Structure formats: C-alpha cells, structure tokens
C-alpha cells in the first residue's frame, strides 16, 4: 500500500510545518461526509497512533501519516498542491474513487 506526493505538495506541507513550529507530519484520512459518502481530512500530527502507517518523503523532510482504516480508501492516492488564479489547495488523485459529488467535496469508492 502506498501514498505518493508531488513536489509541490511536499514543499507546501513542509512550509506549513515550518510555520507551525512543531509537528511530525500531515495526517491524510477520510471521514463519512457529504452527498457522496466520504470526504478527505488533512490535519497536523504531533504524535503517532499505534495503527498509523507513515510514508516518509525524506528529500523534503515530510511525513504523511494515514490510519489503517483510511488507507483502505486511499491506497495509491497522489497528493498534489495546485494554484489556479486566486484559488489554491490540495488535490487528491485517488484511483479508488468511483464517483464524486458535483461540488467536489466528497467521493464514493
């Protein structure tokens, strides 16, 4: 099982962690939400849980942490960071997604 990250995403995560001044990485997870059933969750991690899987992007000094339940839905996902005009944000390229809601906030596997 694997999670990958583009250069742009890794640099953005590193910047967030440096500005925050603490943390060992970024948690990527899913929760039940939205009109399609699941939504992505991103949060800083200060302490690992026993069931966490850690993906280390050593060249950037960045770790992505995923809990075992979320990893089932996120396996193969690439985390990207994009900027388009005034809009910027993380993009999830998840091969497991079978459908997304019209607003793009939630997905179904």
N, C-alpha and C. Protein backbone atom coordinates (compact mmCIF):
# COMPACT_ATOMS: atom_id res chain seq x y z
N UNK A 1 0.85 -1.18 0.00
CA UNK A 1 0.00 0.00 0.00
C UNK A 1 0.89 1.24 0.00
N UNK A 2 0.46 2.25 -0.75
CA UNK A 2 1.32 3.42 -0.88
C UNK A 2 0.52 4.71 -1.07
N UNK A 3 1.10 5.78 -0.60
CA UNK A 3 0.63 7.14 -0.82
C UNK A 3 1.81 7.88 -1.44
N UNK A 4 1.56 8.67 -2.47
CA UNK A 4 2.64 9.46 -3.07
C UNK A 4 2.29 10.94 -2.98
N UNK A 5 3.28 11.76 -3.25
CA UNK A 5 3.11 13.20 -3.12
C UNK A 5 3.94 13.89 -4.19
N UNK A 6 3.36 14.90 -4.83
CA UNK A 6 4.12 15.67 -5.82
C UNK A 6 5.09 16.60 -5.10
N UNK A 7 6.04 17.12 -5.85
CA UNK A 7 7.00 18.07 -5.29
C UNK A 7 6.27 19.28 -4.71
N UNK A 8 5.27 19.78 -5.44
CA UNK A 8 4.53 20.97 -4.98
C UNK A 8 3.83 20.71 -3.65
N UNK A 9 3.23 19.54 -3.51
CA UNK A 9 2.54 19.21 -2.25
C UNK A 9 3.53 19.06 -1.11
N UNK A 10 4.65 18.38 -1.36
CA UNK A 10 5.65 18.18 -0.30
C UNK A 10 6.21 19.51 0.18
N UNK A 11 6.50 20.40 -0.75
CA UNK A 11 7.02 21.72 -0.36
C UNK A 11 5.99 22.50 0.44
N UNK A 12 4.72 22.40 0.07
CA UNK A 12 3.66 23.12 0.79
C UNK A 12 3.49 22.56 2.21
N UNK A 13 3.52 21.24 2.34
CA UNK A 13 3.41 20.61 3.67
C UNK A 13 4.59 21.04 4.53
N UNK A 14 5.79 21.02 3.97
CA UNK A 14 6.98 21.44 4.72
C UNK A 14 6.84 22.89 5.19
N UNK A 15 6.36 23.76 4.32
CA UNK A 15 6.15 25.16 4.68
C UNK A 15 5.15 25.29 5.82
N UNK A 16 4.03 24.55 5.74
CA UNK A 16 3.03 24.57 6.81
C UNK A 16 3.65 24.13 8.14
N UNK A 17 4.41 23.04 8.12
CA UNK A 17 5.02 22.53 9.35
C UNK A 17 6.05 23.51 9.91
N UNK A 18 6.85 24.12 9.04
CA UNK A 18 7.84 25.10 9.49
C UNK A 18 7.16 26.31 10.11
N UNK A 19 6.11 26.80 9.48
CA UNK A 19 5.37 27.95 10.02
C UNK A 19 4.69 27.62 11.34
N UNK A 20 4.25 26.39 11.47
CA UNK A 20 3.59 25.95 12.71
C UNK A 20 4.61 25.82 13.84
N UNK A 21 5.84 25.45 13.51
CA UNK A 21 6.89 25.35 14.51
C UNK A 21 6.96 24.02 15.24
N UNK A 22 6.09 23.10 14.92
CA UNK A 22 6.13 21.77 15.53
C UNK A 22 5.32 20.81 14.67
N UNK A 23 5.42 19.53 14.97
CA UNK A 23 4.68 18.51 14.25
C UNK A 23 5.61 17.57 13.52
N UNK A 24 5.18 16.31 13.42
CA UNK A 24 6.00 15.31 12.74
C UNK A 24 5.52 15.06 11.32
N UNK A 25 4.34 15.56 10.96
CA UNK A 25 3.85 15.34 9.61
C UNK A 25 2.41 15.78 9.45
N UNK A 26 1.85 15.31 8.36
CA UNK A 26 0.48 15.65 7.99
C UNK A 26 -0.34 14.38 7.91
N UNK A 27 -1.48 14.35 8.60
CA UNK A 27 -2.37 13.20 8.54
C UNK A 27 -3.32 13.35 7.37
N UNK A 28 -3.39 12.30 6.57
CA UNK A 28 -4.34 12.21 5.48
C UNK A 28 -5.32 11.12 5.84
N UNK A 29 -6.60 11.44 5.85
CA UNK A 29 -7.60 10.45 6.21
C UNK A 29 -8.91 10.70 5.49
N UNK A 30 -9.89 9.87 5.79
CA UNK A 30 -11.23 10.04 5.25
C UNK A 30 -12.23 9.97 6.40
N UNK A 31 -13.37 10.62 6.19
CA UNK A 31 -14.46 10.54 7.16
C UNK A 31 -15.76 10.50 6.38
N UNK A 32 -16.80 10.00 7.00
CA UNK A 32 -18.11 9.98 6.38
C UNK A 32 -18.65 11.39 6.34
N UNK A 33 -19.03 11.83 5.13
CA UNK A 33 -19.48 13.21 4.99
C UNK A 33 -19.95 13.44 3.56
N UNK A 34 -20.65 14.55 3.37
CA UNK A 34 -21.03 15.00 2.04
C UNK A 34 -22.10 14.15 1.39
N UNK A 35 -22.42 14.54 0.17
CA UNK A 35 -23.51 13.88 -0.54
C UNK A 35 -23.07 12.58 -1.21
N UNK A 36 -21.77 12.34 -1.37
CA UNK A 36 -21.30 11.11 -1.99
C UNK A 36 -20.81 10.08 -0.98
N UNK A 37 -20.68 10.48 0.27
CA UNK A 37 -20.36 9.50 1.30
C UNK A 37 -19.08 9.69 2.08
N UNK A 38 -17.99 10.14 1.43
CA UNK A 38 -16.72 10.28 2.14
C UNK A 38 -16.05 11.59 1.75
N UNK A 39 -15.28 12.14 2.69
CA UNK A 39 -14.53 13.37 2.44
C UNK A 39 -13.12 13.20 2.97
N UNK A 40 -12.18 13.89 2.36
CA UNK A 40 -10.79 13.86 2.79
C UNK A 40 -10.61 14.74 4.01
N UNK A 41 -9.67 14.33 4.87
CA UNK A 41 -9.33 15.08 6.07
C UNK A 41 -7.81 15.27 6.09
N UNK A 42 -7.38 16.49 6.31
CA UNK A 42 -5.96 16.81 6.48
C UNK A 42 -5.79 17.48 7.83
N UNK A 43 -4.81 17.03 8.62
CA UNK A 43 -4.53 17.67 9.91
C UNK A 43 -3.08 17.42 10.29
N UNK A 44 -2.54 18.30 11.10
CA UNK A 44 -1.17 18.14 11.58
C UNK A 44 -1.10 17.01 12.59
N UNK A 45 0.05 16.35 12.63
CA UNK A 45 0.27 15.24 13.57
C UNK A 45 1.44 15.59 14.48
N UNK A 46 1.18 15.54 15.78
CA UNK A 46 2.24 15.75 16.76
C UNK A 46 2.67 14.44 17.40
N UNK A 47 1.80 13.42 17.32
CA UNK A 47 2.06 12.15 17.97
C UNK A 47 1.43 11.03 17.14
N UNK A 48 2.18 9.95 16.91
CA UNK A 48 1.67 8.83 16.14
C UNK A 48 0.76 7.95 16.97
N UNK A 49 -0.23 7.35 16.31
CA UNK A 49 -1.08 6.34 16.93
C UNK A 49 -0.55 4.97 16.51
N UNK A 50 -0.90 3.96 17.27
CA UNK A 50 -0.38 2.62 17.03
C UNK A 50 -0.73 2.10 15.64
N UNK A 51 -1.91 2.42 15.13
CA UNK A 51 -2.36 1.89 13.84
C UNK A 51 -1.93 2.73 12.64
N UNK A 52 -1.14 3.77 12.86
CA UNK A 52 -0.73 4.67 11.78
C UNK A 52 0.31 4.04 10.86
N UNK A 53 0.16 4.32 9.58
CA UNK A 53 1.15 3.97 8.57
C UNK A 53 1.84 5.28 8.19
N UNK A 54 3.18 5.29 8.19
CA UNK A 54 3.94 6.51 7.91
C UNK A 54 4.61 6.39 6.54
N UNK A 55 4.39 7.40 5.71
CA UNK A 55 5.03 7.50 4.41
C UNK A 55 6.01 8.66 4.49
N UNK A 56 7.29 8.35 4.34
CA UNK A 56 8.36 9.32 4.58
C UNK A 56 8.89 9.85 3.25
N UNK A 57 8.80 11.15 3.06
CA UNK A 57 9.35 11.81 1.88
C UNK A 57 10.61 12.54 2.34
N UNK A 58 11.67 11.75 2.53
CA UNK A 58 12.90 12.21 3.16
C UNK A 58 13.53 13.41 2.47
N UNK A 59 13.46 13.47 1.15
CA UNK A 59 14.10 14.57 0.43
C UNK A 59 13.49 15.92 0.79
N UNK A 60 12.29 15.92 1.35
CA UNK A 60 11.64 17.16 1.76
C UNK A 60 11.52 17.28 3.27
N UNK A 61 11.88 16.22 3.99
CA UNK A 61 11.71 16.23 5.43
C UNK A 61 10.25 16.21 5.84
N UNK A 62 9.44 15.51 5.06
CA UNK A 62 7.99 15.49 5.26
C UNK A 62 7.50 14.06 5.44
N UNK A 63 6.56 13.87 6.35
CA UNK A 63 5.92 12.58 6.55
C UNK A 63 4.41 12.74 6.35
N UNK A 64 3.80 11.76 5.69
CA UNK A 64 2.35 11.68 5.58
C UNK A 64 1.93 10.48 6.39
N UNK A 65 1.00 10.70 7.30
CA UNK A 65 0.54 9.66 8.20
C UNK A 65 -0.90 9.31 7.86
N UNK A 66 -1.17 8.00 7.73
CA UNK A 66 -2.51 7.53 7.38
C UNK A 66 -2.90 6.43 8.34
N UNK A 67 -4.09 6.52 8.92
CA UNK A 67 -4.56 5.45 9.81
C UNK A 67 -4.97 4.25 8.95
N UNK A 68 -4.96 3.07 9.55
CA UNK A 68 -5.18 1.83 8.80
C UNK A 68 -6.56 1.77 8.14
N UNK A 69 -7.60 2.33 8.76
CA UNK A 69 -8.94 2.31 8.16
C UNK A 69 -9.00 3.20 6.92
N UNK A 70 -8.40 4.38 6.99
CA UNK A 70 -8.39 5.29 5.84
C UNK A 70 -7.54 4.76 4.70
N UNK A 71 -6.48 4.02 5.03
CA UNK A 71 -5.57 3.53 4.00
C UNK A 71 -6.29 2.62 3.00
N UNK A 72 -7.32 1.93 3.45
CA UNK A 72 -8.09 1.08 2.54
C UNK A 72 -8.70 1.90 1.40
N UNK A 73 -9.10 3.13 1.68
CA UNK A 73 -9.74 4.00 0.70
C UNK A 73 -8.73 4.88 -0.04
N UNK A 74 -7.53 5.03 0.53
CA UNK A 74 -6.54 5.96 -0.01
C UNK A 74 -5.36 5.29 -0.71
N UNK A 75 -5.29 3.98 -0.69
CA UNK A 75 -4.16 3.28 -1.30
C UNK A 75 -4.00 3.72 -2.75
N UNK A 76 -2.79 4.14 -3.10
CA UNK A 76 -2.50 4.58 -4.46
C UNK A 76 -2.75 6.05 -4.71
N UNK A 77 -3.21 6.78 -3.71
CA UNK A 77 -3.52 8.20 -3.87
C UNK A 77 -2.26 9.03 -4.00
N UNK A 78 -2.31 10.01 -4.88
CA UNK A 78 -1.25 11.01 -5.01
C UNK A 78 -1.80 12.33 -4.49
N UNK A 79 -1.08 12.92 -3.55
CA UNK A 79 -1.44 14.23 -3.01
C UNK A 79 -0.69 15.29 -3.80
N UNK A 80 -1.43 16.26 -4.33
CA UNK A 80 -0.84 17.33 -5.12
C UNK A 80 -1.28 18.66 -4.53
N UNK A 81 -0.57 19.73 -4.86
CA UNK A 81 -0.95 21.08 -4.46
C UNK A 81 -0.99 21.92 -5.72
N UNK A 82 -2.14 22.56 -5.96
CA UNK A 82 -2.30 23.34 -7.19
C UNK A 82 -2.71 24.77 -6.87
N UNK A 83 -2.33 25.66 -7.78
CA UNK A 83 -2.72 27.07 -7.72
C UNK A 83 -3.32 27.44 -9.07
N UNK A 84 -4.50 28.01 -9.05
CA UNK A 84 -5.15 28.49 -10.27
C UNK A 84 -5.73 29.86 -9.96
N UNK A 85 -5.08 30.88 -10.44
CA UNK A 85 -5.53 32.24 -10.14
C UNK A 85 -5.42 32.50 -8.65
N UNK A 86 -6.53 32.91 -8.04
CA UNK A 86 -6.56 33.17 -6.60
C UNK A 86 -6.84 31.91 -5.77
N UNK A 87 -7.18 30.81 -6.44
CA UNK A 87 -7.51 29.57 -5.74
C UNK A 87 -6.28 28.68 -5.63
N UNK A 88 -6.10 28.12 -4.46
CA UNK A 88 -5.03 27.16 -4.25
C UNK A 88 -5.50 26.12 -3.25
N UNK A 89 -4.94 24.93 -3.35
CA UNK A 89 -5.30 23.89 -2.40
C UNK A 89 -4.76 22.54 -2.79
N UNK A 90 -4.94 21.59 -1.89
CA UNK A 90 -4.51 20.23 -2.13
C UNK A 90 -5.51 19.53 -3.03
N UNK A 91 -4.97 18.69 -3.90
CA UNK A 91 -5.78 17.90 -4.81
C UNK A 91 -5.46 16.44 -4.56
N UNK A 92 -6.48 15.60 -4.53
CA UNK A 92 -6.31 14.18 -4.25
C UNK A 92 -6.56 13.40 -5.53
N UNK A 93 -5.53 12.77 -6.05
CA UNK A 93 -5.65 11.93 -7.24
C UNK A 93 -5.75 10.49 -6.74
N UNK A 94 -7.00 10.07 -6.49
CA UNK A 94 -7.28 8.79 -5.85
C UNK A 94 -7.85 7.81 -6.87
N UNK A 95 -7.10 6.74 -7.21
CA UNK A 95 -7.58 5.78 -8.20
C UNK A 95 -8.76 4.94 -7.73
N UNK A 96 -9.08 4.98 -6.45
CA UNK A 96 -10.17 4.17 -5.90
C UNK A 96 -11.53 4.82 -6.03
N UNK A 97 -11.58 6.10 -6.38
CA UNK A 97 -12.84 6.84 -6.43
C UNK A 97 -13.67 6.37 -7.61
N UNK A 98 -14.93 6.01 -7.32
CA UNK A 98 -15.84 5.60 -8.40
C UNK A 98 -16.75 6.75 -8.82
N UNK A 99 -17.02 7.69 -7.90
CA UNK A 99 -17.83 8.86 -8.24
C UNK A 99 -17.57 9.97 -7.23
N UNK A 100 -17.84 11.21 -7.67
CA UNK A 100 -17.68 12.38 -6.80
C UNK A 100 -18.96 13.19 -6.88
N UNK A 101 -19.22 13.95 -5.83
CA UNK A 101 -20.38 14.83 -5.86
C UNK A 101 -20.09 16.02 -6.78
N UNK A 102 -21.11 16.72 -7.16
CA UNK A 102 -20.98 17.84 -8.09
C UNK A 102 -20.09 18.94 -7.59
N UNK A 103 -20.06 19.18 -6.28
CA UNK A 103 -19.25 20.26 -5.74
C UNK A 103 -17.80 19.83 -5.51
N UNK A 104 -17.52 18.53 -5.61
CA UNK A 104 -16.15 18.04 -5.46
C UNK A 104 -15.69 17.88 -4.03
N UNK A 105 -16.57 18.02 -3.08
CA UNK A 105 -16.18 17.92 -1.67
C UNK A 105 -16.22 16.50 -1.12
N UNK A 106 -16.91 15.60 -1.77
CA UNK A 106 -16.98 14.24 -1.26
C UNK A 106 -16.91 13.24 -2.41
N UNK A 107 -16.67 11.98 -2.06
CA UNK A 107 -16.49 10.94 -3.07
C UNK A 107 -17.04 9.61 -2.57
N UNK A 108 -17.12 8.67 -3.49
CA UNK A 108 -17.59 7.32 -3.19
C UNK A 108 -16.59 6.34 -3.78
N UNK A 109 -16.37 5.23 -3.09
CA UNK A 109 -15.44 4.20 -3.56
C UNK A 109 -16.24 3.01 -4.04
